[in-house]
PDB file of all heavy atoms in Angstrom:
ATOM      1  N   MET A   1     -27.531  78.501  69.332  1.00  0.00           N
ATOM      2  CA  MET A   1     -26.315  78.230  68.615  1.00  0.00           C
ATOM      3  C   MET A   1     -25.708  79.493  67.884  1.00  0.00           C
ATOM      4  O   MET A   1     -26.453  80.462  67.563  1.00  0.00           O
ATOM      5  CB  MET A   1     -26.609  77.244  67.503  1.00  0.00           C
ATOM      6  CG  MET A   1     -27.497  77.727  66.348  1.00  0.00           C
ATOM      7  SD  MET A   1     -27.713  76.627  64.998  1.00  0.00           S
ATOM      8  CE  MET A   1     -28.521  77.729  63.912  1.00  0.00           C
ATOM      9  N   THR A   2     -24.430  79.590  67.775  1.00  0.00           N
ATOM     10  CA  THR A   2     -23.775  80.657  67.141  1.00  0.00           C
ATOM     11  C   THR A   2     -23.045  80.076  65.891  1.00  0.00           C
ATOM     12  O   THR A   2     -22.105  79.211  66.031  1.00  0.00           O
ATOM     13  CB  THR A   2     -22.795  81.382  68.061  1.00  0.00           C
ATOM     14  OG1 THR A   2     -23.545  81.844  69.166  1.00  0.00           O
ATOM     15  CG2 THR A   2     -22.030  82.458  67.375  1.00  0.00           C
ATOM     16  N   LEU A   3     -23.327  80.581  64.736  1.00  0.00           N
ATOM     17  CA  LEU A   3     -22.636  80.099  63.523  1.00  0.00           C
ATOM     18  C   LEU A   3     -21.325  80.630  63.382  1.00  0.00           C
ATOM     19  O   LEU A   3     -21.016  81.708  63.836  1.00  0.00           O
ATOM     20  CB  LEU A   3     -23.589  80.460  62.320  1.00  0.00           C
ATOM     21  CG  LEU A   3     -25.049  79.966  62.289  1.00  0.00           C
ATOM     22  CD1 LEU A   3     -25.837  80.554  61.189  1.00  0.00           C
ATOM     23  CD2 LEU A   3     -25.008  78.424  62.106  1.00  0.00           C
ATOM     24  N   PRO A   4     -20.488  79.873  62.554  1.00  0.00           N
ATOM     25  CA  PRO A   4     -19.058  80.470  62.234  1.00  0.00           C
ATOM     26  C   PRO A   4     -19.172  81.787  61.492  1.00  0.00           C
ATOM     27  O   PRO A   4     -20.241  82.107  60.900  1.00  0.00           O
ATOM     28  CB  PRO A   4     -18.532  79.359  61.399  1.00  0.00           C
ATOM     29  CG  PRO A   4     -19.360  78.141  61.668  1.00  0.00           C
ATOM     30  CD  PRO A   4     -20.702  78.676  61.986  1.00  0.00           C
ATOM     31  N   ARG A   5     -18.133  82.571  61.512  1.00  0.00           N
ATOM     32  CA  ARG A   5     -18.099  83.825  60.831  1.00  0.00           C
ATOM     33  C   ARG A   5     -18.337  83.607  59.337  1.00  0.00           C
ATOM     34  O   ARG A   5     -17.855  82.654  58.683  1.00  0.00           O
ATOM     35  CB  ARG A   5     -16.752  84.520  61.111  1.00  0.00           C
ATOM     36  CG  ARG A   5     -16.509  84.890  62.490  1.00  0.00           C
ATOM     37  CD  ARG A   5     -15.318  85.832  62.563  1.00  0.00           C
ATOM     38  NE  ARG A   5     -15.060  86.188  63.995  1.00  0.00           N
ATOM     39  CZ  ARG A   5     -15.679  87.244  64.566  1.00  0.00           C
ATOM     40  NH1 ARG A   5     -16.528  87.973  63.873  1.00  0.00           N
ATOM     41  NH2 ARG A   5     -15.434  87.535  65.826  1.00  0.00           N
ATOM     42  N   GLY A   6     -19.134  84.447  58.717  1.00  0.00           N
ATOM     43  CA  GLY A   6     -19.533  84.406  57.311  1.00  0.00           C
ATOM     44  C   GLY A   6     -20.722  83.673  57.137  1.00  0.00           C
ATOM     45  O   GLY A   6     -21.367  83.762  55.968  1.00  0.00           O
ATOM     46  N   ALA A   7     -21.255  82.950  58.073  1.00  0.00           N
ATOM     47  CA  ALA A   7     -22.573  82.228  57.903  1.00  0.00           C
ATOM     48  C   ALA A   7     -23.685  83.034  58.640  1.00  0.00           C
ATOM     49  O   ALA A   7     -23.437  83.733  59.574  1.00  0.00           O
ATOM     50  CB  ALA A   7     -22.553  80.838  58.463  1.00  0.00           C
ATOM     51  N   THR A   8     -24.975  82.931  58.119  1.00  0.00           N
ATOM     52  CA  THR A   8     -26.108  83.571  58.788  1.00  0.00           C
ATOM     53  C   THR A   8     -27.208  82.550  58.689  1.00  0.00           C
ATOM     54  O   THR A   8     -27.261  81.613  57.931  1.00  0.00           O
ATOM     55  CB  THR A   8     -26.502  84.827  57.962  1.00  0.00           C
ATOM     56  OG1 THR A   8     -26.948  84.533  56.728  1.00  0.00           O
ATOM     57  CG2 THR A   8     -25.348  85.829  57.879  1.00  0.00           C
ATOM     58  N   VAL A   9     -28.203  82.811  59.592  1.00  0.00           N
ATOM     59  CA  VAL A   9     -29.351  82.006  59.671  1.00  0.00           C
ATOM     60  C   VAL A   9     -30.284  82.150  58.509  1.00  0.00           C
ATOM     61  O   VAL A   9     -31.188  81.261  58.340  1.00  0.00           O
ATOM     62  CB  VAL A   9     -30.134  82.364  61.010  1.00  0.00           C
ATOM     63  CG1 VAL A   9     -29.345  82.041  62.172  1.00  0.00           C
ATOM     64  CG2 VAL A   9     -30.688  83.709  61.025  1.00  0.00           C
ATOM     65  N   GLU A  10     -30.080  83.169  57.597  1.00  0.00           N
ATOM     66  CA  GLU A  10     -30.941  83.275  56.493  1.00  0.00           C
ATOM     67  C   GLU A  10     -30.696  82.190  55.429  1.00  0.00           C
ATOM     68  O   GLU A  10     -31.436  81.932  54.474  1.00  0.00           O
ATOM     69  CB  GLU A  10     -30.752  84.617  55.808  1.00  0.00           C
ATOM     70  CG  GLU A  10     -31.447  85.810  56.523  1.00  0.00           C
ATOM     71  CD  GLU A  10     -30.647  86.381  57.567  1.00  0.00           C
ATOM     72  OE1 GLU A  10     -29.518  85.793  57.883  1.00  0.00           O
ATOM     73  OE2 GLU A  10     -31.050  87.301  58.262  1.00  0.00           O
ATOM     74  N   SER A  11     -29.536  81.550  55.577  1.00  0.00           N
ATOM     75  CA  SER A  11     -29.134  80.507  54.536  1.00  0.00           C
ATOM     76  C   SER A  11     -30.221  79.322  54.587  1.00  0.00           C
ATOM     77  O   SER A  11     -30.504  78.774  55.652  1.00  0.00           O
ATOM     78  CB  SER A  11     -27.811  79.912  54.914  1.00  0.00           C
ATOM     79  OG  SER A  11     -27.536  78.690  54.291  1.00  0.00           O
ATOM     80  N   PRO A  12     -30.714  79.024  53.344  1.00  0.00           N
ATOM     81  CA  PRO A  12     -31.735  77.897  53.252  1.00  0.00           C
ATOM     82  C   PRO A  12     -31.124  76.596  53.862  1.00  0.00           C
ATOM     83  O   PRO A  12     -31.823  75.825  54.556  1.00  0.00           O
ATOM     84  CB  PRO A  12     -31.905  77.764  51.850  1.00  0.00           C
ATOM     85  CG  PRO A  12     -31.602  79.081  51.225  1.00  0.00           C
ATOM     86  CD  PRO A  12     -30.478  79.593  52.111  1.00  0.00           C
ATOM     87  N   GLU A  13     -29.838  76.336  53.757  1.00  0.00           N
ATOM     88  CA  GLU A  13     -29.266  75.138  54.265  1.00  0.00           C
ATOM     89  C   GLU A  13     -29.317  75.149  55.765  1.00  0.00           C
ATOM     90  O   GLU A  13     -29.587  74.153  56.434  1.00  0.00           O
ATOM     91  CB  GLU A  13     -27.817  75.036  53.728  1.00  0.00           C
ATOM     92  CG  GLU A  13     -27.165  73.740  54.169  1.00  0.00           C
ATOM     93  CD  GLU A  13     -25.740  73.536  53.693  1.00  0.00           C
ATOM     94  OE1 GLU A  13     -25.302  74.449  52.907  1.00  0.00           O
ATOM     95  OE2 GLU A  13     -25.085  72.511  53.998  1.00  0.00           O
ATOM     96  N   VAL A  14     -28.917  76.349  56.339  1.00  0.00           N
ATOM     97  CA  VAL A  14     -28.909  76.411  57.804  1.00  0.00           C
ATOM     98  C   VAL A  14     -30.347  76.194  58.255  1.00  0.00           C
ATOM     99  O   VAL A  14     -30.507  75.500  59.300  1.00  0.00           O
ATOM    100  CB  VAL A  14     -28.423  77.797  58.250  1.00  0.00           C
ATOM    101  CG1 VAL A  14     -28.632  78.056  59.801  1.00  0.00           C
ATOM    102  CG2 VAL A  14     -26.919  77.837  57.936  1.00  0.00           C
ATOM    103  N   GLN A  15     -31.317  76.856  57.689  1.00  0.00           N
ATOM    104  CA  GLN A  15     -32.718  76.719  58.148  1.00  0.00           C
ATOM    105  C   GLN A  15     -33.222  75.278  58.057  1.00  0.00           C
ATOM    106  O   GLN A  15     -33.956  74.780  58.958  1.00  0.00           O
ATOM    107  CB  GLN A  15     -33.618  77.686  57.348  1.00  0.00           C
ATOM    108  CG  GLN A  15     -33.382  79.149  57.562  1.00  0.00           C
ATOM    109  CD  GLN A  15     -34.409  79.989  57.014  1.00  0.00           C
ATOM    110  OE1 GLN A  15     -35.555  79.691  56.997  1.00  0.00           O
ATOM    111  NE2 GLN A  15     -33.967  81.116  56.471  1.00  0.00           N
ATOM    112  N   ALA A  16     -32.746  74.554  57.050  1.00  0.00           N
ATOM    113  CA  ALA A  16     -33.234  73.131  56.917  1.00  0.00           C
ATOM    114  C   ALA A  16     -32.598  72.337  58.008  1.00  0.00           C
ATOM    115  O   ALA A  16     -33.268  71.433  58.584  1.00  0.00           O
ATOM    116  CB  ALA A  16     -32.776  72.627  55.498  1.00  0.00           C
ATOM    117  N   GLN A  17     -31.381  72.542  58.307  1.00  0.00           N
ATOM    118  CA  GLN A  17     -30.703  71.860  59.453  1.00  0.00           C
ATOM    119  C   GLN A  17     -31.273  72.242  60.698  1.00  0.00           C
ATOM    120  O   GLN A  17     -31.470  71.416  61.628  1.00  0.00           O
ATOM    121  CB  GLN A  17     -29.141  72.121  59.425  1.00  0.00           C
ATOM    122  CG  GLN A  17     -28.438  71.621  58.184  1.00  0.00           C
ATOM    123  CD  GLN A  17     -27.003  71.986  58.133  1.00  0.00           C
ATOM    124  OE1 GLN A  17     -26.494  72.586  59.143  1.00  0.00           O
ATOM    125  NE2 GLN A  17     -26.207  71.610  57.115  1.00  0.00           N
ATOM    126  N   LEU A  18     -31.703  73.497  60.864  1.00  0.00           N
ATOM    127  CA  LEU A  18     -32.305  73.858  62.164  1.00  0.00           C
ATOM    128  C   LEU A  18     -33.582  73.171  62.373  1.00  0.00           C
ATOM    129  O   LEU A  18     -33.966  72.710  63.441  1.00  0.00           O
ATOM    130  CB  LEU A  18     -32.464  75.434  62.103  1.00  0.00           C
ATOM    131  CG  LEU A  18     -33.208  76.034  63.367  1.00  0.00           C
ATOM    132  CD1 LEU A  18     -32.376  75.694  64.651  1.00  0.00           C
ATOM    133  CD2 LEU A  18     -33.324  77.529  63.272  1.00  0.00           C
ATOM    134  N   ARG A  19     -34.394  73.211  61.222  1.00  0.00           N
ATOM    135  CA  ARG A  19     -35.757  72.389  61.302  1.00  0.00           C
ATOM    136  C   ARG A  19     -35.544  70.971  61.704  1.00  0.00           C
ATOM    137  O   ARG A  19     -36.329  70.448  62.474  1.00  0.00           O
ATOM    138  CB  ARG A  19     -36.489  72.493  60.023  1.00  0.00           C
ATOM    139  CG  ARG A  19     -37.261  73.864  59.781  1.00  0.00           C
ATOM    140  CD  ARG A  19     -38.175  73.878  58.652  1.00  0.00           C
ATOM    141  NE  ARG A  19     -37.357  73.903  57.405  1.00  0.00           N
ATOM    142  CZ  ARG A  19     -37.086  74.897  56.773  1.00  0.00           C
ATOM    143  NH1 ARG A  19     -37.405  76.200  57.190  1.00  0.00           N
ATOM    144  NH2 ARG A  19     -36.433  74.874  55.586  1.00  0.00           N
ATOM    145  N   ALA A  20     -34.468  70.335  61.131  1.00  0.00           N
ATOM    146  CA  ALA A  20     -34.159  68.873  61.481  1.00  0.00           C
ATOM    147  C   ALA A  20     -33.828  68.746  62.954  1.00  0.00           C
ATOM    148  O   ALA A  20     -34.249  67.792  63.507  1.00  0.00           O
ATOM    149  CB  ALA A  20     -33.084  68.322  60.478  1.00  0.00           C
ATOM    150  N   ALA A  21     -33.033  69.607  63.442  1.00  0.00           N
ATOM    151  CA  ALA A  21     -32.680  69.549  64.902  1.00  0.00           C
ATOM    152  C   ALA A  21     -33.844  69.739  65.723  1.00  0.00           C
ATOM    153  O   ALA A  21     -33.984  69.010  66.808  1.00  0.00           O
ATOM    154  CB  ALA A  21     -31.601  70.619  65.097  1.00  0.00           C
ATOM    155  N   LEU A  22     -34.689  70.731  65.467  1.00  0.00           N
ATOM    156  CA  LEU A  22     -35.854  70.871  66.223  1.00  0.00           C
ATOM    157  C   LEU A  22     -36.879  69.755  66.138  1.00  0.00           C
ATOM    158  O   LEU A  22     -37.616  69.412  67.107  1.00  0.00           O
ATOM    159  CB  LEU A  22     -36.542  72.230  65.910  1.00  0.00           C
ATOM    160  CG  LEU A  22     -35.722  73.453  66.180  1.00  0.00           C
ATOM    161  CD1 LEU A  22     -36.377  74.704  65.648  1.00  0.00           C
ATOM    162  CD2 LEU A  22     -35.492  73.634  67.785  1.00  0.00           C
ATOM    163  N   HIS A  23     -36.877  69.092  65.022  1.00  0.00           N
ATOM    164  CA  HIS A  23     -37.747  67.910  64.925  1.00  0.00           C
ATOM    165  C   HIS A  23     -37.296  66.736  65.764  1.00  0.00           C
ATOM    166  O   HIS A  23     -38.076  66.040  66.325  1.00  0.00           O
ATOM    167  CB  HIS A  23     -37.642  67.439  63.357  1.00  0.00           C
ATOM    168  CG  HIS A  23     -38.508  66.164  63.160  1.00  0.00           C
ATOM    169  ND1 HIS A  23     -39.944  66.172  63.239  1.00  0.00           N
ATOM    170  CD2 HIS A  23     -38.194  64.890  62.771  1.00  0.00           C
ATOM    171  CE1 HIS A  23     -40.436  65.053  62.973  1.00  0.00           C
ATOM    172  NE2 HIS A  23     -39.355  64.120  62.681  1.00  0.00           N
ATOM    173  N   ARG A  24     -35.899  66.639  65.950  1.00  0.00           N
ATOM    174  CA  ARG A  24     -35.381  65.680  66.934  1.00  0.00           C
ATOM    175  C   ARG A  24     -35.843  65.978  68.343  1.00  0.00           C
ATOM    176  O   ARG A  24     -36.152  65.044  69.117  1.00  0.00           O
ATOM    177  CB  ARG A  24     -33.877  65.565  66.766  1.00  0.00           C
ATOM    178  CG  ARG A  24     -33.344  65.083  65.456  1.00  0.00           C
ATOM    179  CD  ARG A  24     -31.863  65.283  65.459  1.00  0.00           C
ATOM    180  NE  ARG A  24     -31.111  64.444  66.385  1.00  0.00           N
ATOM    181  CZ  ARG A  24     -30.648  63.237  66.120  1.00  0.00           C
ATOM    182  NH1 ARG A  24     -30.736  62.710  64.813  1.00  0.00           N
ATOM    183  NH2 ARG A  24     -30.041  62.537  66.968  1.00  0.00           N
ATOM    184  N   ILE A  25     -35.853  67.265  68.658  1.00  0.00           N
ATOM    185  CA  ILE A  25     -36.247  67.664  70.098  1.00  0.00           C
ATOM    186  C   ILE A  25     -37.722  67.372  70.150  1.00  0.00           C
ATOM    187  O   ILE A  25     -38.298  66.860  71.251  1.00  0.00           O
ATOM    188  CB  ILE A  25     -35.988  69.144  70.230  1.00  0.00           C
ATOM    189  CG1 ILE A  25     -34.472  69.299  70.400  1.00  0.00           C
ATOM    190  CG2 ILE A  25     -36.639  69.627  71.576  1.00  0.00           C
ATOM    191  CD1 ILE A  25     -34.054  70.719  70.549  1.00  0.00           C
ATOM    192  N   ALA A  26     -38.588  67.609  69.129  1.00  0.00           N
ATOM    193  CA  ALA A  26     -40.004  67.394  69.209  1.00  0.00           C
ATOM    194  C   ALA A  26     -40.264  65.930  69.420  1.00  0.00           C
ATOM    195  O   ALA A  26     -41.217  65.510  70.093  1.00  0.00           O
ATOM    196  CB  ALA A  26     -40.670  67.895  67.993  1.00  0.00           C
ATOM    197  N   LYS A  27     -39.515  65.082  68.853  1.00  0.00           N
ATOM    198  CA  LYS A  27     -39.717  63.531  69.061  1.00  0.00           C
ATOM    199  C   LYS A  27     -39.279  63.182  70.387  1.00  0.00           C
ATOM    200  O   LYS A  27     -39.917  62.267  71.075  1.00  0.00           O
ATOM    201  CB  LYS A  27     -38.872  62.804  68.015  1.00  0.00           C
ATOM    202  CG  LYS A  27     -39.463  62.916  66.603  1.00  0.00           C
ATOM    203  CD  LYS A  27     -38.632  62.099  65.593  1.00  0.00           C
ATOM    204  CE  LYS A  27     -38.590  60.604  65.948  1.00  0.00           C
ATOM    205  NZ  LYS A  27     -37.769  59.899  65.035  1.00  0.00           N
ATOM    206  N   ALA A  28     -38.250  63.829  70.990  1.00  0.00           N
ATOM    207  CA  ALA A  28     -37.754  63.473  72.257  1.00  0.00           C
ATOM    208  C   ALA A  28     -38.676  63.975  73.396  1.00  0.00           C
ATOM    209  O   ALA A  28     -38.640  63.426  74.437  1.00  0.00           O
ATOM    210  CB  ALA A  28     -36.306  64.027  72.483  1.00  0.00           C
ATOM    211  N   VAL A  29     -39.311  65.056  73.153  1.00  0.00           N
ATOM    212  CA  VAL A  29     -40.273  65.675  74.176  1.00  0.00           C
ATOM    213  C   VAL A  29     -41.607  65.740  73.535  1.00  0.00           C
ATOM    214  O   VAL A  29     -42.037  66.753  72.951  1.00  0.00           O
ATOM    215  CB  VAL A  29     -39.749  67.077  74.599  1.00  0.00           C
ATOM    216  CG1 VAL A  29     -40.629  67.616  75.767  1.00  0.00           C
ATOM    217  CG2 VAL A  29     -38.354  67.071  75.027  1.00  0.00           C
ATOM    218  N   PRO A  30     -42.489  64.626  73.557  1.00  0.00           N
ATOM    219  CA  PRO A  30     -43.710  64.656  72.927  1.00  0.00           C
ATOM    220  C   PRO A  30     -44.682  65.667  73.569  1.00  0.00           C
ATOM    221  O   PRO A  30     -44.594  65.901  74.745  1.00  0.00           O
ATOM    222  CB  PRO A  30     -44.186  63.184  73.239  1.00  0.00           C
ATOM    223  CG  PRO A  30     -42.936  62.350  73.534  1.00  0.00           C
ATOM    224  CD  PRO A  30     -42.066  63.335  74.143  1.00  0.00           C
ATOM    225  N   GLY A  31     -45.465  66.343  72.731  1.00  0.00           N
ATOM    226  CA  GLY A  31     -46.363  67.308  73.176  1.00  0.00           C
ATOM    227  C   GLY A  31     -45.834  68.645  73.322  1.00  0.00           C
ATOM    228  O   GLY A  31     -46.498  69.571  73.806  1.00  0.00           O
ATOM    229  N   SER A  32     -44.553  68.863  72.956  1.00  0.00           N
ATOM    230  CA  SER A  32     -43.907  70.181  73.105  1.00  0.00           C
ATOM    231  C   SER A  32     -44.394  71.171  72.062  1.00  0.00           C
ATOM    232  O   SER A  32     -44.845  70.641  70.979  1.00  0.00           O
ATOM    233  CB  SER A  32     -42.372  70.035  73.059  1.00  0.00           C
ATOM    234  OG  SER A  32     -41.980  69.466  71.953  1.00  0.00           O
ATOM    235  N   ARG A  33     -44.259  72.418  72.292  1.00  0.00           N
ATOM    236  CA  ARG A  33     -44.729  73.445  71.420  1.00  0.00           C
ATOM    237  C   ARG A  33     -43.456  74.272  71.069  1.00  0.00           C
ATOM    238  O   ARG A  33     -42.822  74.809  71.952  1.00  0.00           O
ATOM    239  CB  ARG A  33     -45.790  74.331  72.067  1.00  0.00           C
ATOM    240  CG  ARG A  33     -46.304  75.463  71.284  1.00  0.00           C
ATOM    241  CD  ARG A  33     -47.552  76.085  71.999  1.00  0.00           C
ATOM    242  NE  ARG A  33     -47.375  76.324  73.359  1.00  0.00           N
ATOM    243  CZ  ARG A  33     -46.863  77.322  73.914  1.00  0.00           C
ATOM    244  NH1 ARG A  33     -46.491  78.381  73.207  1.00  0.00           N
ATOM    245  NH2 ARG A  33     -46.736  77.480  75.256  1.00  0.00           N
ATOM    246  N   ILE A  34     -43.050  74.302  69.742  1.00  0.00           N
ATOM    247  CA  ILE A  34     -41.855  74.889  69.385  1.00  0.00           C
ATOM    248  C   ILE A  34     -41.952  75.990  68.397  1.00  0.00           C
ATOM    249  O   ILE A  34     -42.861  75.985  67.492  1.00  0.00           O
ATOM    250  CB  ILE A  34     -40.938  73.786  68.708  1.00  0.00           C
ATOM    251  CG1 ILE A  34     -40.695  72.677  69.723  1.00  0.00           C
ATOM    252  CG2 ILE A  34     -39.538  74.316  68.371  1.00  0.00           C
ATOM    253  CD1 ILE A  34     -39.932  71.445  69.181  1.00  0.00           C
ATOM    254  N   ALA A  35     -41.270  77.144  68.581  1.00  0.00           N
ATOM    255  CA  ALA A  35     -41.248  78.197  67.626  1.00  0.00           C
ATOM    256  C   ALA A  35     -39.778  78.672  67.392  1.00  0.00           C
ATOM    257  O   ALA A  35     -38.944  78.687  68.356  1.00  0.00           O
ATOM    258  CB  ALA A  35     -42.087  79.407  68.186  1.00  0.00           C
ATOM    259  N   SER A  36     -39.403  78.932  66.126  1.00  0.00           N
ATOM    260  CA  SER A  36     -38.063  79.457  65.872  1.00  0.00           C
ATOM    261  C   SER A  36     -38.147  80.292  64.663  1.00  0.00           C
ATOM    262  O   SER A  36     -39.142  80.579  63.983  1.00  0.00           O
ATOM    263  CB  SER A  36     -37.207  78.141  65.497  1.00  0.00           C
ATOM    264  OG  SER A  36     -37.648  77.589  64.299  1.00  0.00           O
ATOM    265  N   PHE A  37     -36.981  80.753  64.250  1.00  0.00           N
ATOM    266  CA  PHE A  37     -36.807  81.598  62.988  1.00  0.00           C
ATOM    267  C   PHE A  37     -37.119  80.747  61.761  1.00  0.00           C
ATOM    268  O   PHE A  37     -37.763  81.215  60.807  1.00  0.00           O
ATOM    269  CB  PHE A  37     -35.412  82.077  62.911  1.00  0.00           C
ATOM    270  CG  PHE A  37     -35.130  82.902  61.643  1.00  0.00           C
ATOM    271  CD1 PHE A  37     -35.730  84.174  61.517  1.00  0.00           C
ATOM    272  CD2 PHE A  37     -34.405  82.380  60.635  1.00  0.00           C
ATOM    273  CE1 PHE A  37     -35.506  84.888  60.301  1.00  0.00           C
ATOM    274  CE2 PHE A  37     -34.168  83.127  59.434  1.00  0.00           C
ATOM    275  CZ  PHE A  37     -34.766  84.380  59.293  1.00  0.00           C
ATOM    276  N   ALA A  38     -36.808  79.432  61.837  1.00  0.00           N
ATOM    277  CA  ALA A  38     -37.104  78.586  60.697  1.00  0.00           C
ATOM    278  C   ALA A  38     -38.533  78.427  60.475  1.00  0.00           C
ATOM    279  O   ALA A  38     -39.066  78.261  59.332  1.00  0.00           O
ATOM    280  CB  ALA A  38     -36.409  77.282  60.942  1.00  0.00           C
ATOM    281  N   SER A  39     -39.320  78.363  61.619  1.00  0.00           N
ATOM    282  CA  SER A  39     -40.800  78.140  61.480  1.00  0.00           C
ATOM    283  C   SER A  39     -41.625  79.458  61.347  1.00  0.00           C
ATOM    284  O   SER A  39     -42.717  79.362  60.803  1.00  0.00           O
ATOM    285  CB  SER A  39     -41.280  77.390  62.679  1.00  0.00           C
ATOM    286  OG  SER A  39     -41.159  78.076  63.838  1.00  0.00           O
ATOM    287  N   THR A  40     -41.104  80.603  61.746  1.00  0.00           N
ATOM    288  CA  THR A  40     -41.825  81.786  61.719  1.00  0.00           C
ATOM    289  C   THR A  40     -41.243  82.888  60.828  1.00  0.00           C
ATOM    290  O   THR A  40     -41.907  83.814  60.440  1.00  0.00           O
ATOM    291  CB  THR A  40     -41.942  82.389  63.160  1.00  0.00           C
ATOM    292  OG1 THR A  40     -40.726  82.785  63.635  1.00  0.00           O
ATOM    293  CG2 THR A  40     -42.581  81.360  64.092  1.00  0.00           C
TER     294      THR A  40
END
C-alpha cells in the first residue's frame, strides 16, 4: 500500500490498522506465516 502525502508508516494509527488488515488475511489463510513493519 502507498499512503497519502504527509502520512508515514511510523504513525501508531497506521501500524494499528496495518496489524488489523494482516489479521484479516491470517484468518482467511489459516497456517500462514506473516511478517511486516508493524510486527518487526
